[in-house]
């Protein structure tokens, strides 16, 4: 994640692979499943689960990441999963899971 957005914006992975988002910007970034602001596009994800026992199972960092911080998520569902920066919703991308 940079000031220009996510790089790369679109990636293809295999089911079960981990994607790690690293903030390389001085501004906080918050990767999460679309749709802003609920984050419910990826199955079983929901921003309401942040701060609960289910937080580790959702595609949502649940907080802004400072420069150098990272967030990883294991994609177990096949599909095309759009995502965004919750703190700057115009920045986003797509993860294709095969």
Protein backbone atom coordinates (compact mmCIF):
# COMPACT_ATOMS: atom_id res chain seq x y z
CA UNK A 1 0.00 0.00 0.00
CA UNK A 2 1.37 3.38 -1.04
CA UNK A 3 0.05 6.91 -1.43
CA UNK A 4 -0.91 5.91 -4.98
CA UNK A 5 -2.96 2.94 -3.77
CA UNK A 6 -2.42 -0.81 -3.79
CA UNK A 7 0.39 -2.30 -5.85
CA UNK A 8 -0.36 -4.54 -7.55
CA UNK A 9 -4.05 -3.66 -7.74
CA UNK A 10 -5.06 -7.10 -9.00
CA UNK A 11 -3.51 -10.46 -8.18
CA UNK A 12 -4.41 -14.08 -8.84
CA UNK A 13 -3.73 -16.70 -6.18
CA UNK A 14 -4.67 -20.28 -5.38
CA UNK A 15 -7.24 -21.10 -2.70
CA UNK A 16 -5.52 -21.32 0.68
CA UNK A 17 -2.79 -18.81 -0.13
CA UNK A 18 -1.98 -15.89 2.13
CA UNK A 19 -1.94 -12.29 0.92
CA UNK A 20 0.03 -9.80 2.98
CA UNK A 21 -0.63 -6.08 2.76
CA UNK A 22 2.31 -3.90 3.85
CA UNK A 23 1.84 -0.18 4.41
CA UNK A 24 4.66 1.64 2.61
CA UNK A 25 3.04 5.05 3.10
CA UNK A 26 3.38 7.54 5.94
CA UNK A 27 -0.43 7.71 6.11
CA UNK A 28 -2.39 4.94 7.82
CA UNK A 29 -4.01 2.37 5.49
CA UNK A 30 -6.82 -0.11 6.30
CA UNK A 31 -7.27 -2.99 3.81
CA UNK A 32 -10.69 -4.61 3.86
CA UNK A 33 -13.19 -6.46 1.73
CA UNK A 34 -15.61 -4.34 -0.27
CA UNK A 35 -18.24 -2.85 0.08
CA UNK A 36 -17.37 0.30 2.01
CA UNK A 37 -18.19 0.77 4.86
CA UNK A 38 -19.58 -2.67 5.81
CA UNK A 39 -16.83 -4.90 4.33
CA UNK A 40 -19.22 -7.77 3.60
CA UNK A 41 -18.33 -8.86 0.03
CA UNK A 42 -15.94 -11.63 1.11
CA UNK A 43 -18.08 -14.44 2.63
CA UNK A 44 -18.60 -14.18 6.38
CA UNK A 45 -16.73 -10.85 6.56
CA UNK A 46 -18.39 -7.92 8.27
CA UNK A 47 -16.89 -4.86 9.90
CA UNK A 48 -19.17 -5.57 12.89
CA UNK A 49 -16.94 -8.57 13.67
CA UNK A 50 -13.93 -6.33 14.35
CA UNK A 51 -13.02 -6.56 18.02
CA UNK A 52 -14.76 -9.93 18.45
CA UNK A 53 -13.53 -13.52 18.56
CA UNK A 54 -14.34 -13.74 14.81
CA UNK A 55 -11.96 -10.91 13.85
CA UNK A 56 -9.20 -13.28 12.69
CA UNK A 57 -11.60 -14.99 10.24
CA UNK A 58 -12.64 -11.91 8.24
CA UNK A 59 -10.98 -10.08 5.33
CA UNK A 60 -10.57 -6.84 7.27
CA UNK A 61 -7.53 -5.40 9.06
CA UNK A 62 -10.02 -3.83 11.51
CA UNK A 63 -7.72 -0.84 12.04
CA UNK A 64 -5.48 1.60 10.27
CA UNK A 65 -1.99 0.24 9.72
CA UNK A 66 0.90 2.59 10.42
CA UNK A 67 3.84 2.84 8.04
CA UNK A 68 5.66 -0.50 8.01
CA UNK A 69 2.79 -2.43 9.61
CA UNK A 70 1.27 -5.38 7.77
CA UNK A 71 -1.93 -7.39 7.65
CA UNK A 72 -2.20 -10.95 6.29
CA UNK A 73 -5.28 -12.94 5.29
CA UNK A 74 -5.68 -16.51 4.06
CA UNK A 75 -8.17 -16.74 1.18
CA UNK A 76 -10.16 -19.98 1.49
CA UNK A 77 -13.01 -19.10 -0.88
CA UNK A 78 -12.70 -19.30 -4.66
CA UNK A 79 -13.93 -16.18 -6.42
CA UNK A 80 -13.15 -12.61 -7.39
CA UNK A 81 -12.86 -10.48 -4.28
CA UNK A 82 -12.71 -6.68 -4.57
CA UNK A 83 -11.21 -4.75 -1.67
CA UNK A 84 -10.48 -1.16 -0.65
CA UNK A 85 -8.71 1.07 1.85
CA UNK A 86 -11.34 1.86 4.47
CA UNK A 87 -9.57 5.15 5.23
CA UNK A 88 -9.50 6.12 1.53
CA UNK A 89 -12.30 4.11 -0.17
CA UNK A 90 -11.43 5.36 -3.66
CA UNK A 91 -8.28 3.19 -3.51
CA UNK A 92 -8.81 -0.52 -4.03
CA UNK A 93 -8.13 -3.63 -6.02
CA UNK A 94 -9.13 -7.22 -6.70
CA UNK A 95 -7.91 -10.60 -5.53
CA UNK A 96 -8.82 -13.52 -7.80
CA UNK A 97 -8.79 -16.84 -5.96
CA UNK A 98 -8.71 -19.98 -8.14
